[in-house]
Amino acid sequence: MKLNNIEFRWSDVNQMWELVEWFERKNDKPYCCVIAFFDFNKESVYMETVGLRYVNVEDQEALRIVAKNAMNFLQDKFEYEEQTQKV
């Protein structure tokens, strides 16, 4: 999911879900910076931010929307996987 310059995605490199912020460079390809990682423990989903990147994002409204949807998606995924393991 991507809204403006904030994206929630699976990272093959880090092998986890992450929030990234995209930036434009003059005369070069866009690049991204990881804002936060998502992971699971025995009870739920948690988000780990990288330094102050989360609070330094300029588009806080897009960040709030994407982060909320990411947490909802991952919580649903967690609950589904927990239910299917019980069967």
N, C-alpha and C. Protein backbone atom coordinates (compact mmCIF):
# COMPACT_ATOMS: atom_id res chain seq x y z
N MET A 1 0.84 -1.17 0.00
CA MET A 1 0.00 0.00 0.00
C MET A 1 0.89 1.23 0.00
N LYS A 2 0.53 2.18 -0.83
CA LYS A 2 1.30 3.42 -0.89
C LYS A 2 0.36 4.61 -0.95
N LEU A 3 0.65 5.62 -0.16
CA LEU A 3 -0.10 6.86 -0.18
C LEU A 3 0.92 7.99 -0.18
N ASN A 4 0.84 8.82 -1.20
CA ASN A 4 1.82 9.89 -1.39
C ASN A 4 3.23 9.30 -1.39
N ASN A 5 4.07 9.66 -0.44
CA ASN A 5 5.44 9.14 -0.45
C ASN A 5 5.68 8.11 0.67
N ILE A 6 4.60 7.59 1.28
CA ILE A 6 4.71 6.60 2.35
C ILE A 6 4.22 5.26 1.82
N GLU A 7 5.02 4.22 2.02
CA GLU A 7 4.66 2.89 1.51
C GLU A 7 4.84 1.83 2.59
N PHE A 8 3.88 0.92 2.63
CA PHE A 8 3.94 -0.29 3.47
C PHE A 8 4.20 -1.45 2.52
N ARG A 9 5.23 -2.25 2.84
CA ARG A 9 5.60 -3.32 1.91
C ARG A 9 6.36 -4.44 2.64
N TRP A 10 6.45 -5.57 1.94
CA TRP A 10 7.31 -6.67 2.39
C TRP A 10 8.70 -6.43 1.83
N SER A 11 9.71 -6.57 2.67
CA SER A 11 11.09 -6.39 2.22
C SER A 11 11.77 -7.75 2.09
N ASP A 12 12.15 -8.10 0.88
CA ASP A 12 12.91 -9.34 0.66
C ASP A 12 14.30 -9.24 1.28
N VAL A 13 14.85 -8.06 1.31
CA VAL A 13 16.18 -7.86 1.88
C VAL A 13 16.15 -8.06 3.39
N ASN A 14 15.21 -7.40 4.08
CA ASN A 14 15.12 -7.48 5.54
C ASN A 14 14.27 -8.64 6.04
N GLN A 15 13.54 -9.27 5.12
CA GLN A 15 12.65 -10.39 5.45
C GLN A 15 11.63 -10.01 6.52
N MET A 16 11.05 -8.83 6.37
CA MET A 16 9.97 -8.40 7.27
C MET A 16 9.17 -7.29 6.61
N TRP A 17 8.03 -7.00 7.19
CA TRP A 17 7.20 -5.90 6.73
C TRP A 17 7.80 -4.59 7.20
N GLU A 18 7.65 -3.54 6.38
CA GLU A 18 8.25 -2.26 6.74
C GLU A 18 7.45 -1.09 6.18
N LEU A 19 7.63 0.06 6.82
CA LEU A 19 7.14 1.33 6.32
C LEU A 19 8.33 2.09 5.77
N VAL A 20 8.19 2.63 4.58
CA VAL A 20 9.28 3.42 4.00
C VAL A 20 8.76 4.76 3.52
N GLU A 21 9.66 5.72 3.47
CA GLU A 21 9.36 7.04 2.91
C GLU A 21 10.21 7.21 1.66
N TRP A 22 9.55 7.61 0.58
CA TRP A 22 10.24 7.80 -0.70
C TRP A 22 10.66 9.26 -0.88
N PHE A 23 11.83 9.43 -1.48
CA PHE A 23 12.39 10.75 -1.75
C PHE A 23 12.81 10.84 -3.21
N GLU A 24 12.75 12.04 -3.75
CA GLU A 24 13.19 12.32 -5.12
C GLU A 24 14.54 13.02 -5.08
N ARG A 25 15.42 12.59 -5.96
CA ARG A 25 16.70 13.28 -6.13
C ARG A 25 16.69 13.97 -7.49
N LYS A 26 17.32 15.09 -7.57
CA LYS A 26 17.42 15.77 -8.86
C LYS A 26 18.26 14.93 -9.79
N ASN A 27 17.73 14.70 -11.00
CA ASN A 27 18.44 13.97 -12.05
C ASN A 27 18.88 12.56 -11.64
N ASP A 28 18.13 11.91 -10.76
CA ASP A 28 18.49 10.56 -10.33
C ASP A 28 17.22 9.79 -9.98
N LYS A 29 17.39 8.53 -9.72
CA LYS A 29 16.26 7.68 -9.35
C LYS A 29 15.78 8.00 -7.94
N PRO A 30 14.48 7.79 -7.68
CA PRO A 30 13.98 7.96 -6.31
C PRO A 30 14.62 6.92 -5.39
N TYR A 31 14.67 7.24 -4.11
CA TYR A 31 15.21 6.29 -3.13
C TYR A 31 14.29 6.30 -1.91
N CYS A 32 14.40 5.26 -1.10
CA CYS A 32 13.54 5.20 0.08
C CYS A 32 14.37 5.00 1.34
N CYS A 33 13.74 5.32 2.45
CA CYS A 33 14.36 5.21 3.76
C CYS A 33 13.36 4.48 4.66
N VAL A 34 13.81 3.46 5.38
CA VAL A 34 12.92 2.71 6.27
C VAL A 34 12.56 3.57 7.48
N ILE A 35 11.27 3.68 7.74
CA ILE A 35 10.76 4.42 8.89
C ILE A 35 10.55 3.48 10.07
N ALA A 36 9.99 2.30 9.78
CA ALA A 36 9.66 1.35 10.84
C ALA A 36 9.59 -0.07 10.29
N PHE A 37 9.83 -1.03 11.17
CA PHE A 37 9.69 -2.46 10.86
C PHE A 37 8.53 -3.02 11.66
N PHE A 38 7.86 -4.02 11.10
CA PHE A 38 6.78 -4.72 11.80
C PHE A 38 7.21 -6.16 12.02
N ASP A 39 6.82 -6.70 13.17
CA ASP A 39 7.14 -8.09 13.47
C ASP A 39 6.04 -8.66 14.35
N PHE A 40 6.11 -9.95 14.59
CA PHE A 40 5.12 -10.65 15.41
C PHE A 40 5.81 -11.22 16.63
N ASN A 41 5.09 -11.26 17.74
CA ASN A 41 5.54 -12.04 18.88
C ASN A 41 4.43 -13.05 19.18
N LYS A 42 4.45 -13.70 20.32
CA LYS A 42 3.45 -14.73 20.62
C LYS A 42 2.04 -14.17 20.77
N GLU A 43 1.93 -12.89 21.07
CA GLU A 43 0.62 -12.33 21.38
C GLU A 43 0.04 -11.40 20.32
N SER A 44 0.89 -10.76 19.52
CA SER A 44 0.37 -9.73 18.62
C SER A 44 1.42 -9.27 17.61
N VAL A 45 1.09 -8.16 16.97
CA VAL A 45 1.98 -7.49 16.03
C VAL A 45 2.58 -6.29 16.72
N TYR A 46 3.83 -6.00 16.45
CA TYR A 46 4.41 -4.78 17.00
C TYR A 46 5.20 -4.05 15.93
N MET A 47 5.36 -2.75 16.14
CA MET A 47 6.08 -1.89 15.21
C MET A 47 7.29 -1.32 15.93
N GLU A 48 8.43 -1.38 15.27
CA GLU A 48 9.67 -0.83 15.83
C GLU A 48 10.14 0.29 14.90
N THR A 49 10.19 1.50 15.44
CA THR A 49 10.60 2.64 14.62
C THR A 49 12.12 2.74 14.56
N VAL A 50 12.60 3.40 13.52
CA VAL A 50 14.04 3.59 13.33
C VAL A 50 14.36 5.03 13.73
N GLY A 51 15.01 5.17 14.86
CA GLY A 51 15.39 6.50 15.34
C GLY A 51 14.21 7.45 15.39
N LEU A 52 14.43 8.66 14.92
CA LEU A 52 13.38 9.68 14.90
C LEU A 52 12.68 9.79 13.55
N ARG A 53 12.94 8.84 12.66
CA ARG A 53 12.37 8.94 11.31
C ARG A 53 10.85 9.02 11.33
N TYR A 54 10.20 8.28 12.22
CA TYR A 54 8.73 8.27 12.28
C TYR A 54 8.18 9.65 12.60
N VAL A 55 8.76 10.33 13.55
CA VAL A 55 8.26 11.65 13.94
C VAL A 55 8.74 12.75 13.00
N ASN A 56 9.76 12.49 12.20
CA ASN A 56 10.29 13.49 11.27
C ASN A 56 9.64 13.47 9.89
N VAL A 57 8.73 12.53 9.64
CA VAL A 57 8.06 12.47 8.34
C VAL A 57 7.20 13.73 8.18
N GLU A 58 7.33 14.38 7.02
CA GLU A 58 6.57 15.61 6.79
C GLU A 58 5.09 15.36 6.62
N ASP A 59 4.72 14.32 5.88
CA ASP A 59 3.32 14.02 5.61
C ASP A 59 2.78 13.07 6.69
N GLN A 60 2.53 13.63 7.87
CA GLN A 60 2.08 12.82 9.01
C GLN A 60 0.70 12.20 8.77
N GLU A 61 -0.15 12.86 8.00
CA GLU A 61 -1.48 12.31 7.73
C GLU A 61 -1.37 11.04 6.88
N ALA A 62 -0.55 11.06 5.84
CA ALA A 62 -0.34 9.86 5.02
C ALA A 62 0.30 8.76 5.86
N LEU A 63 1.26 9.12 6.71
CA LEU A 63 1.91 8.15 7.57
C LEU A 63 0.91 7.50 8.51
N ARG A 64 0.04 8.31 9.11
CA ARG A 64 -0.98 7.77 10.04
C ARG A 64 -1.90 6.79 9.32
N ILE A 65 -2.36 7.14 8.13
CA ILE A 65 -3.28 6.29 7.38
C ILE A 65 -2.61 4.98 6.98
N VAL A 66 -1.41 5.06 6.44
CA VAL A 66 -0.70 3.85 6.00
C VAL A 66 -0.33 2.97 7.19
N ALA A 67 0.16 3.58 8.26
CA ALA A 67 0.54 2.79 9.45
C ALA A 67 -0.67 2.10 10.05
N LYS A 68 -1.79 2.80 10.13
CA LYS A 68 -3.02 2.21 10.68
C LYS A 68 -3.48 1.03 9.84
N ASN A 69 -3.49 1.19 8.52
CA ASN A 69 -3.89 0.11 7.63
C ASN A 69 -2.90 -1.06 7.69
N ALA A 70 -1.63 -0.75 7.83
CA ALA A 70 -0.61 -1.80 7.95
C ALA A 70 -0.84 -2.62 9.22
N MET A 71 -1.07 -1.94 10.33
CA MET A 71 -1.31 -2.65 11.59
C MET A 71 -2.58 -3.49 11.52
N ASN A 72 -3.63 -2.95 10.93
CA ASN A 72 -4.87 -3.72 10.78
C ASN A 72 -4.66 -4.95 9.92
N PHE A 73 -3.97 -4.80 8.80
CA PHE A 73 -3.67 -5.92 7.92
C PHE A 73 -2.87 -6.99 8.65
N LEU A 74 -1.81 -6.58 9.33
CA LEU A 74 -0.94 -7.54 10.00
C LEU A 74 -1.64 -8.19 11.20
N GLN A 75 -2.50 -7.45 11.90
CA GLN A 75 -3.25 -8.05 13.00
C GLN A 75 -4.22 -9.10 12.46
N ASP A 76 -4.88 -8.81 11.35
CA ASP A 76 -5.76 -9.80 10.72
C ASP A 76 -4.97 -11.03 10.28
N LYS A 77 -3.81 -10.80 9.70
CA LYS A 77 -2.94 -11.90 9.27
C LYS A 77 -2.51 -12.75 10.47
N PHE A 78 -2.14 -12.09 11.55
CA PHE A 78 -1.73 -12.78 12.77
C PHE A 78 -2.87 -13.64 13.31
N GLU A 79 -4.06 -13.06 13.40
CA GLU A 79 -5.21 -13.79 13.94
C GLU A 79 -5.60 -14.96 13.03
N TYR A 80 -5.55 -14.76 11.72
CA TYR A 80 -5.85 -15.85 10.78
C TYR A 80 -4.87 -17.00 10.95
N GLU A 81 -3.57 -16.68 11.00
CA GLU A 81 -2.57 -17.72 11.16
C GLU A 81 -2.69 -18.42 12.51
N GLU A 82 -3.04 -17.68 13.54
CA GLU A 82 -3.24 -18.28 14.87
C GLU A 82 -4.44 -19.23 14.83
N GLN A 83 -5.52 -18.85 14.18
CA GLN A 83 -6.71 -19.70 14.08
C GLN A 83 -6.42 -20.97 13.27
N THR A 84 -5.70 -20.84 12.15
CA THR A 84 -5.45 -22.01 11.30
C THR A 84 -4.48 -22.98 11.96
N GLN A 85 -3.65 -22.51 12.86
CA GLN A 85 -2.74 -23.41 13.58
C GLN A 85 -3.49 -24.22 14.63
N LYS A 86 -4.61 -23.71 15.12
CA LYS A 86 -5.39 -24.41 16.14
C LYS A 86 -6.22 -25.54 15.55
N VAL A 87 -6.49 -25.46 14.25
CA VAL A 87 -7.34 -26.46 13.59
C VAL A 87 -6.60 -27.73 13.33
